[in-house]
Amino acid sequence: MTFVKHPAHVSNLFDELFTNFPSNWGGDFSNQVGNPKVNIHETTEGFHLELIAAGRNKEDFKVNIEKDLLTISFEKKETEENKDYKTIRKEFTLNSFKRSFSLDEKIQADAIQAKYENGILKLFLPKKEQVTQAPKEITIL
């Protein structure tokens, strides 16, 4: 039995290693570029949403509400290539993403607040005041 080297197989192995690099080494970084990860915490006052978004400018974010759907998006135009060097492979891009969340009826949508701080987009979604009706006794006739 003879083993024949096939350059294409070596090339495919090399490509596969770098294509799957993050998952092969115990960390999946794809969500940090495509869809940033989100933490959501609930307090008595409301919900705190934290979206990891390092390396971005707050002016490039859009936060919209339409029909009980909160959408957070980011879009940045690609900068021109550097004329001093030729890029062989480009995997590090922060061009765009879009995340949407359904708003619960308990959330006061017109009072949502957002701020971008230390690479994290933070949103506060306040809860509506709960109107409690006093118990009423119905007289039986």
N, C-alpha and C. Protein backbone atom coordinates (compact mmCIF):
# COMPACT_ATOMS: atom_id res chain seq x y z
N MET A 1 0.85 -1.17 0.00
CA MET A 1 0.00 0.00 0.00
C MET A 1 0.89 1.23 0.00
N THR A 2 0.61 2.13 -0.90
CA THR A 2 1.40 3.36 -0.98
C THR A 2 0.53 4.55 -0.62
N PHE A 3 1.15 5.52 -0.04
CA PHE A 3 0.45 6.74 0.33
C PHE A 3 0.88 7.84 -0.63
N VAL A 4 -0.06 8.43 -1.30
CA VAL A 4 0.23 9.49 -2.26
C VAL A 4 -0.21 10.81 -1.64
N LYS A 5 0.68 11.77 -1.62
CA LYS A 5 0.33 13.09 -1.09
C LYS A 5 -0.50 13.84 -2.11
N HIS A 6 -1.55 14.43 -1.66
CA HIS A 6 -2.38 15.28 -2.51
C HIS A 6 -2.34 16.69 -1.96
N PRO A 7 -1.74 17.60 -2.68
CA PRO A 7 -1.67 18.99 -2.19
C PRO A 7 -3.03 19.57 -1.83
N ALA A 8 -4.08 19.17 -2.54
CA ALA A 8 -5.42 19.70 -2.26
C ALA A 8 -5.87 19.28 -0.86
N HIS A 9 -5.52 18.05 -0.44
CA HIS A 9 -5.93 17.58 0.88
C HIS A 9 -5.23 18.39 1.97
N VAL A 10 -3.97 18.68 1.76
CA VAL A 10 -3.24 19.48 2.73
C VAL A 10 -3.83 20.88 2.79
N SER A 11 -4.13 21.44 1.65
CA SER A 11 -4.73 22.76 1.59
C SER A 11 -6.09 22.78 2.29
N ASN A 12 -6.91 21.74 2.04
CA ASN A 12 -8.23 21.67 2.68
C ASN A 12 -8.10 21.54 4.19
N LEU A 13 -7.12 20.75 4.64
CA LEU A 13 -6.90 20.61 6.07
C LEU A 13 -6.51 21.94 6.69
N PHE A 14 -5.63 22.67 6.01
CA PHE A 14 -5.19 23.99 6.48
C PHE A 14 -6.38 24.95 6.55
N ASP A 15 -7.19 24.97 5.49
CA ASP A 15 -8.37 25.85 5.47
C ASP A 15 -9.36 25.48 6.57
N GLU A 16 -9.56 24.16 6.77
CA GLU A 16 -10.51 23.72 7.79
C GLU A 16 -10.04 24.11 9.18
N LEU A 17 -8.74 24.02 9.42
CA LEU A 17 -8.19 24.40 10.72
C LEU A 17 -8.50 25.86 11.02
N PHE A 18 -8.28 26.74 10.05
CA PHE A 18 -8.50 28.17 10.29
C PHE A 18 -9.96 28.56 10.19
N THR A 19 -10.74 27.85 9.39
CA THR A 19 -12.17 28.14 9.32
C THR A 19 -12.84 27.81 10.64
N ASN A 20 -12.45 26.71 11.25
CA ASN A 20 -13.07 26.27 12.50
C ASN A 20 -12.21 26.60 13.71
N PHE A 21 -11.24 27.48 13.56
CA PHE A 21 -10.28 27.76 14.62
C PHE A 21 -10.90 28.01 15.98
N PRO A 22 -11.86 28.93 16.12
CA PRO A 22 -12.38 29.20 17.47
C PRO A 22 -13.01 27.96 18.10
N SER A 23 -13.81 27.20 17.35
CA SER A 23 -14.46 26.04 17.95
C SER A 23 -13.46 24.93 18.24
N ASN A 24 -12.40 24.85 17.45
CA ASN A 24 -11.38 23.83 17.70
C ASN A 24 -10.60 24.11 18.97
N TRP A 25 -10.56 25.34 19.41
CA TRP A 25 -9.75 25.70 20.57
C TRP A 25 -10.59 26.08 21.78
N GLY A 26 -11.84 25.64 21.82
CA GLY A 26 -12.64 25.76 23.03
C GLY A 26 -13.42 27.05 23.18
N GLY A 27 -13.43 27.93 22.21
CA GLY A 27 -14.20 29.15 22.33
C GLY A 27 -14.85 29.49 21.01
N ASP A 28 -16.11 29.85 21.04
CA ASP A 28 -16.80 30.23 19.81
C ASP A 28 -16.89 31.74 19.75
N PHE A 29 -16.09 32.36 18.89
CA PHE A 29 -16.05 33.81 18.80
C PHE A 29 -16.96 34.33 17.70
N SER A 30 -17.64 33.45 16.98
CA SER A 30 -18.45 33.89 15.84
C SER A 30 -19.57 34.82 16.29
N ASN A 31 -20.15 34.58 17.45
CA ASN A 31 -21.23 35.45 17.90
C ASN A 31 -20.76 36.85 18.23
N GLN A 32 -19.48 37.02 18.54
CA GLN A 32 -18.99 38.35 18.85
C GLN A 32 -18.91 39.20 17.60
N VAL A 33 -18.78 38.58 16.45
CA VAL A 33 -18.72 39.34 15.20
C VAL A 33 -20.11 39.40 14.58
N GLY A 34 -20.80 38.26 14.46
CA GLY A 34 -22.09 38.22 13.80
C GLY A 34 -23.22 38.69 14.68
N ASN A 35 -23.49 37.98 15.73
CA ASN A 35 -24.56 38.31 16.66
C ASN A 35 -23.98 38.39 18.06
N PRO A 36 -23.84 39.57 18.58
CA PRO A 36 -23.25 39.71 19.91
C PRO A 36 -24.09 39.02 20.98
N LYS A 37 -23.42 38.54 21.99
CA LYS A 37 -24.10 37.86 23.08
C LYS A 37 -24.77 38.88 24.00
N VAL A 38 -25.85 38.44 24.65
CA VAL A 38 -26.68 39.33 25.45
C VAL A 38 -26.91 38.72 26.82
N ASN A 39 -26.87 39.56 27.84
CA ASN A 39 -27.29 39.20 29.19
C ASN A 39 -28.56 39.98 29.49
N ILE A 40 -29.54 39.32 30.10
CA ILE A 40 -30.77 39.99 30.49
C ILE A 40 -31.03 39.68 31.96
N HIS A 41 -31.21 40.74 32.74
CA HIS A 41 -31.46 40.62 34.17
C HIS A 41 -32.80 41.28 34.49
N GLU A 42 -33.52 40.72 35.45
CA GLU A 42 -34.79 41.32 35.87
C GLU A 42 -34.68 41.80 37.31
N THR A 43 -35.16 43.01 37.53
CA THR A 43 -35.27 43.57 38.88
C THR A 43 -36.73 43.94 39.10
N THR A 44 -37.04 44.45 40.26
CA THR A 44 -38.42 44.86 40.52
C THR A 44 -38.81 46.06 39.66
N GLU A 45 -37.82 46.90 39.29
CA GLU A 45 -38.09 48.09 38.48
C GLU A 45 -38.20 47.80 36.99
N GLY A 46 -37.50 46.76 36.50
CA GLY A 46 -37.52 46.50 35.07
C GLY A 46 -36.51 45.45 34.66
N PHE A 47 -36.19 45.46 33.36
CA PHE A 47 -35.25 44.51 32.79
C PHE A 47 -34.00 45.27 32.35
N HIS A 48 -32.84 44.68 32.60
CA HIS A 48 -31.56 45.26 32.20
C HIS A 48 -30.97 44.35 31.13
N LEU A 49 -30.79 44.89 29.94
CA LEU A 49 -30.25 44.14 28.82
C LEU A 49 -28.85 44.67 28.54
N GLU A 50 -27.86 43.78 28.49
CA GLU A 50 -26.48 44.14 28.19
C GLU A 50 -26.04 43.37 26.96
N LEU A 51 -25.60 44.09 25.96
CA LEU A 51 -25.17 43.50 24.70
C LEU A 51 -23.69 43.81 24.51
N ILE A 52 -22.86 42.78 24.39
CA ILE A 52 -21.42 43.01 24.25
C ILE A 52 -21.16 43.53 22.84
N ALA A 53 -20.50 44.67 22.75
CA ALA A 53 -20.30 45.32 21.46
C ALA A 53 -19.01 46.13 21.47
N ALA A 54 -17.91 45.49 21.84
CA ALA A 54 -16.63 46.19 21.93
C ALA A 54 -16.16 46.65 20.55
N GLY A 55 -15.44 47.76 20.54
CA GLY A 55 -14.85 48.26 19.31
C GLY A 55 -15.80 49.01 18.40
N ARG A 56 -16.93 49.40 18.92
CA ARG A 56 -17.90 50.12 18.09
C ARG A 56 -18.12 51.52 18.66
N ASN A 57 -18.73 52.38 17.87
CA ASN A 57 -19.07 53.73 18.30
C ASN A 57 -20.57 53.80 18.55
N LYS A 58 -20.98 54.53 19.58
CA LYS A 58 -22.41 54.59 19.91
C LYS A 58 -23.24 55.19 18.78
N GLU A 59 -22.63 56.03 17.95
CA GLU A 59 -23.37 56.65 16.84
C GLU A 59 -23.77 55.64 15.76
N ASP A 60 -23.13 54.48 15.74
CA ASP A 60 -23.42 53.48 14.72
C ASP A 60 -24.54 52.52 15.12
N PHE A 61 -25.05 52.64 16.35
CA PHE A 61 -26.13 51.79 16.82
C PHE A 61 -27.48 52.40 16.50
N LYS A 62 -28.46 51.55 16.30
CA LYS A 62 -29.86 51.97 16.18
C LYS A 62 -30.67 51.06 17.09
N VAL A 63 -31.54 51.67 17.88
CA VAL A 63 -32.45 50.92 18.74
C VAL A 63 -33.85 51.37 18.38
N ASN A 64 -34.66 50.44 17.87
CA ASN A 64 -36.01 50.77 17.40
C ASN A 64 -37.03 49.86 18.07
N ILE A 65 -38.24 50.38 18.19
CA ILE A 65 -39.37 49.58 18.66
C ILE A 65 -40.47 49.69 17.61
N GLU A 66 -40.95 48.54 17.19
CA GLU A 66 -42.06 48.51 16.24
C GLU A 66 -42.92 47.29 16.54
N LYS A 67 -44.18 47.56 16.84
CA LYS A 67 -45.15 46.50 17.12
C LYS A 67 -44.63 45.51 18.17
N ASP A 68 -44.25 46.01 19.32
CA ASP A 68 -43.78 45.19 20.45
C ASP A 68 -42.52 44.38 20.13
N LEU A 69 -41.72 44.87 19.21
CA LEU A 69 -40.46 44.22 18.87
C LEU A 69 -39.32 45.23 19.02
N LEU A 70 -38.42 44.97 19.94
CA LEU A 70 -37.25 45.82 20.17
C LEU A 70 -36.13 45.29 19.27
N THR A 71 -35.59 46.15 18.42
CA THR A 71 -34.51 45.75 17.52
C THR A 71 -33.29 46.61 17.76
N ILE A 72 -32.16 45.94 17.98
CA ILE A 72 -30.88 46.62 18.16
C ILE A 72 -30.04 46.25 16.94
N SER A 73 -29.54 47.28 16.25
CA SER A 73 -28.73 47.00 15.06
C SER A 73 -27.51 47.89 15.05
N PHE A 74 -26.54 47.45 14.29
CA PHE A 74 -25.28 48.18 14.13
C PHE A 74 -24.86 48.02 12.69
N GLU A 75 -24.44 49.13 12.09
CA GLU A 75 -23.91 49.05 10.73
C GLU A 75 -22.79 50.05 10.58
N LYS A 76 -21.70 49.58 10.06
CA LYS A 76 -20.52 50.42 9.85
C LYS A 76 -20.04 50.18 8.43
N LYS A 77 -19.80 51.24 7.72
CA LYS A 77 -19.30 51.12 6.35
C LYS A 77 -17.86 50.61 6.38
N GLU A 78 -17.53 49.77 5.43
CA GLU A 78 -16.17 49.22 5.31
C GLU A 78 -15.21 50.32 4.89
N THR A 79 -14.07 50.36 5.55
CA THR A 79 -13.05 51.35 5.20
C THR A 79 -12.24 50.83 4.02
N GLU A 80 -11.59 51.73 3.32
CA GLU A 80 -10.80 51.35 2.16
C GLU A 80 -9.57 50.56 2.57
N GLU A 81 -9.10 49.73 1.66
CA GLU A 81 -7.88 48.96 1.88
C GLU A 81 -6.69 49.88 2.02
N ASN A 82 -5.73 49.46 2.79
CA ASN A 82 -4.49 50.20 2.95
C ASN A 82 -3.64 49.99 1.70
N LYS A 83 -3.11 51.05 1.15
CA LYS A 83 -2.30 50.98 -0.07
C LYS A 83 -0.88 50.50 0.19
N ASP A 84 -0.47 50.47 1.49
CA ASP A 84 0.89 50.07 1.83
C ASP A 84 1.08 48.56 1.91
N TYR A 85 -0.02 47.79 2.00
CA TYR A 85 0.11 46.35 2.08
C TYR A 85 -1.09 45.67 1.45
N LYS A 86 -0.92 44.39 1.17
CA LYS A 86 -1.97 43.58 0.55
C LYS A 86 -2.53 42.65 1.62
N THR A 87 -3.84 42.67 1.81
CA THR A 87 -4.47 41.80 2.78
C THR A 87 -4.65 40.42 2.17
N ILE A 88 -4.13 39.40 2.85
CA ILE A 88 -4.22 38.02 2.38
C ILE A 88 -5.51 37.37 2.87
N ARG A 89 -5.85 37.61 4.12
CA ARG A 89 -7.06 37.04 4.71
C ARG A 89 -7.64 38.05 5.68
N LYS A 90 -8.96 38.28 5.62
CA LYS A 90 -9.59 39.25 6.50
C LYS A 90 -10.78 38.60 7.18
N GLU A 91 -10.65 38.29 8.45
CA GLU A 91 -11.73 37.70 9.23
C GLU A 91 -12.23 38.65 10.30
N PHE A 92 -11.48 39.66 10.62
CA PHE A 92 -11.83 40.59 11.69
C PHE A 92 -12.58 41.76 11.08
N THR A 93 -13.89 41.69 11.10
CA THR A 93 -14.71 42.79 10.62
C THR A 93 -15.82 43.06 11.62
N LEU A 94 -16.19 44.28 11.73
CA LEU A 94 -17.26 44.69 12.63
C LEU A 94 -18.29 45.47 11.82
N ASN A 95 -18.80 44.86 10.77
CA ASN A 95 -19.64 45.59 9.84
C ASN A 95 -21.08 45.79 10.31
N SER A 96 -21.77 44.72 10.66
CA SER A 96 -23.17 44.89 11.02
C SER A 96 -23.69 43.70 11.82
N PHE A 97 -24.76 43.94 12.56
CA PHE A 97 -25.52 42.89 13.21
C PHE A 97 -26.90 43.43 13.50
N LYS A 98 -27.80 42.52 13.83
CA LYS A 98 -29.17 42.90 14.16
C LYS A 98 -29.73 41.86 15.12
N ARG A 99 -30.21 42.32 16.27
CA ARG A 99 -30.84 41.43 17.25
C ARG A 99 -32.21 42.00 17.57
N SER A 100 -33.20 41.13 17.67
CA SER A 100 -34.56 41.57 17.99
C SER A 100 -35.08 40.80 19.19
N PHE A 101 -35.89 41.49 20.00
CA PHE A 101 -36.46 40.92 21.20
C PHE A 101 -37.94 41.30 21.29
N SER A 102 -38.79 40.35 21.62
CA SER A 102 -40.21 40.64 21.81
C SER A 102 -40.39 41.33 23.15
N LEU A 103 -41.14 42.40 23.15
CA LEU A 103 -41.40 43.13 24.38
C LEU A 103 -42.64 42.57 25.07
N ASP A 104 -42.49 42.31 26.33
CA ASP A 104 -43.59 41.83 27.14
C ASP A 104 -44.56 42.97 27.40
N GLU A 105 -45.81 42.66 27.64
CA GLU A 105 -46.81 43.70 27.90
C GLU A 105 -46.52 44.44 29.21
N LYS A 106 -45.65 43.90 30.06
CA LYS A 106 -45.30 44.56 31.33
C LYS A 106 -44.30 45.71 31.13
N ILE A 107 -43.71 45.82 29.94
CA ILE A 107 -42.66 46.81 29.71
C ILE A 107 -43.25 48.14 29.23
N GLN A 108 -42.76 49.21 29.81
CA GLN A 108 -43.17 50.56 29.41
C GLN A 108 -42.25 51.00 28.27
N ALA A 109 -42.65 50.72 27.04
CA ALA A 109 -41.81 50.91 25.86
C ALA A 109 -41.37 52.35 25.64
N ASP A 110 -42.20 53.32 25.99
CA ASP A 110 -41.85 54.71 25.74
C ASP A 110 -40.84 55.27 26.75
N ALA A 111 -40.41 54.46 27.71
CA ALA A 111 -39.45 54.92 28.72
C ALA A 111 -38.15 54.13 28.70
N ILE A 112 -37.91 53.37 27.63
CA ILE A 112 -36.67 52.59 27.53
C ILE A 112 -35.48 53.53 27.41
N GLN A 113 -34.41 53.22 28.13
CA GLN A 113 -33.19 54.03 28.11
C GLN A 113 -32.03 53.17 27.62
N ALA A 114 -31.07 53.80 26.92
CA ALA A 114 -29.90 53.07 26.41
C ALA A 114 -28.65 53.92 26.59
N LYS A 115 -27.55 53.23 26.89
CA LYS A 115 -26.25 53.91 26.92
C LYS A 115 -25.17 52.90 26.55
N TYR A 116 -24.11 53.41 25.95
CA TYR A 116 -22.98 52.59 25.53
C TYR A 116 -21.80 52.93 26.41
N GLU A 117 -21.26 51.91 27.10
CA GLU A 117 -20.23 52.16 28.08
C GLU A 117 -19.26 50.97 28.13
N ASN A 118 -17.97 51.26 27.95
CA ASN A 118 -16.92 50.24 28.05
C ASN A 118 -17.18 49.01 27.19
N GLY A 119 -17.63 49.22 25.96
CA GLY A 119 -17.85 48.12 25.02
C GLY A 119 -19.13 47.34 25.23
N ILE A 120 -20.01 47.85 26.09
CA ILE A 120 -21.28 47.17 26.34
C ILE A 120 -22.43 48.15 26.13
N LEU A 121 -23.38 47.76 25.29
CA LEU A 121 -24.59 48.54 25.09
C LEU A 121 -25.57 48.10 26.17
N LYS A 122 -25.98 49.05 27.02
CA LYS A 122 -26.87 48.74 28.14
C LYS A 122 -28.22 49.39 27.91
N LEU A 123 -29.27 48.60 28.02
CA LEU A 123 -30.63 49.10 27.90
C LEU A 123 -31.38 48.81 29.18
N PHE A 124 -32.17 49.77 29.61
CA PHE A 124 -33.07 49.57 30.75
C PHE A 124 -34.49 49.62 30.23
N LEU A 125 -35.22 48.56 30.45
CA LEU A 125 -36.60 48.44 30.01
C LEU A 125 -37.48 48.45 31.26
N PRO A 126 -38.02 49.62 31.63
CA PRO A 126 -38.79 49.72 32.87
C PRO A 126 -40.13 48.98 32.77
N LYS A 127 -40.53 48.46 33.91
CA LYS A 127 -41.84 47.80 33.97
C LYS A 127 -42.92 48.86 34.16
N LYS A 128 -44.09 48.58 33.63
CA LYS A 128 -45.25 49.46 33.82
C LYS A 128 -45.69 49.37 35.27
N GLU A 129 -46.23 50.48 35.73
CA GLU A 129 -46.81 50.49 37.08
C GLU A 129 -47.98 49.52 37.09
N GLN A 130 -48.01 48.69 38.10
CA GLN A 130 -49.12 47.75 38.21
C GLN A 130 -50.27 48.44 38.92
N VAL A 131 -51.37 48.52 38.23
CA VAL A 131 -52.55 49.13 38.81
C VAL A 131 -53.33 48.03 39.51
N THR A 132 -53.43 48.19 40.79
CA THR A 132 -54.19 47.19 41.56
C THR A 132 -55.52 47.80 41.95
N GLN A 133 -56.55 47.08 41.66
CA GLN A 133 -57.89 47.54 42.00
C GLN A 133 -58.25 47.01 43.38
N ALA A 134 -58.86 47.87 44.13
CA ALA A 134 -59.32 47.44 45.46
C ALA A 134 -60.39 46.39 45.30
N PRO A 135 -60.36 45.40 46.16
CA PRO A 135 -61.40 44.37 46.07
C PRO A 135 -62.79 44.98 46.21
N LYS A 136 -63.68 44.47 45.44
CA LYS A 136 -65.05 44.99 45.46
C LYS A 136 -66.00 43.84 45.72
N GLU A 137 -66.86 44.05 46.64
CA GLU A 137 -67.83 43.00 46.93
C GLU A 137 -69.08 43.27 46.10
N ILE A 138 -69.56 42.24 45.46
CA ILE A 138 -70.77 42.34 44.64
C ILE A 138 -71.96 41.91 45.49
N THR A 139 -72.97 42.78 45.54
CA THR A 139 -74.17 42.48 46.29
C THR A 139 -75.06 41.57 45.46
N ILE A 140 -75.49 40.51 46.09
CA ILE A 140 -76.38 39.57 45.41
C ILE A 140 -77.82 40.04 45.63
N LEU A 141 -78.56 40.22 44.59
CA LEU A 141 -79.95 40.67 44.68
C LEU A 141 -80.91 39.52 44.77
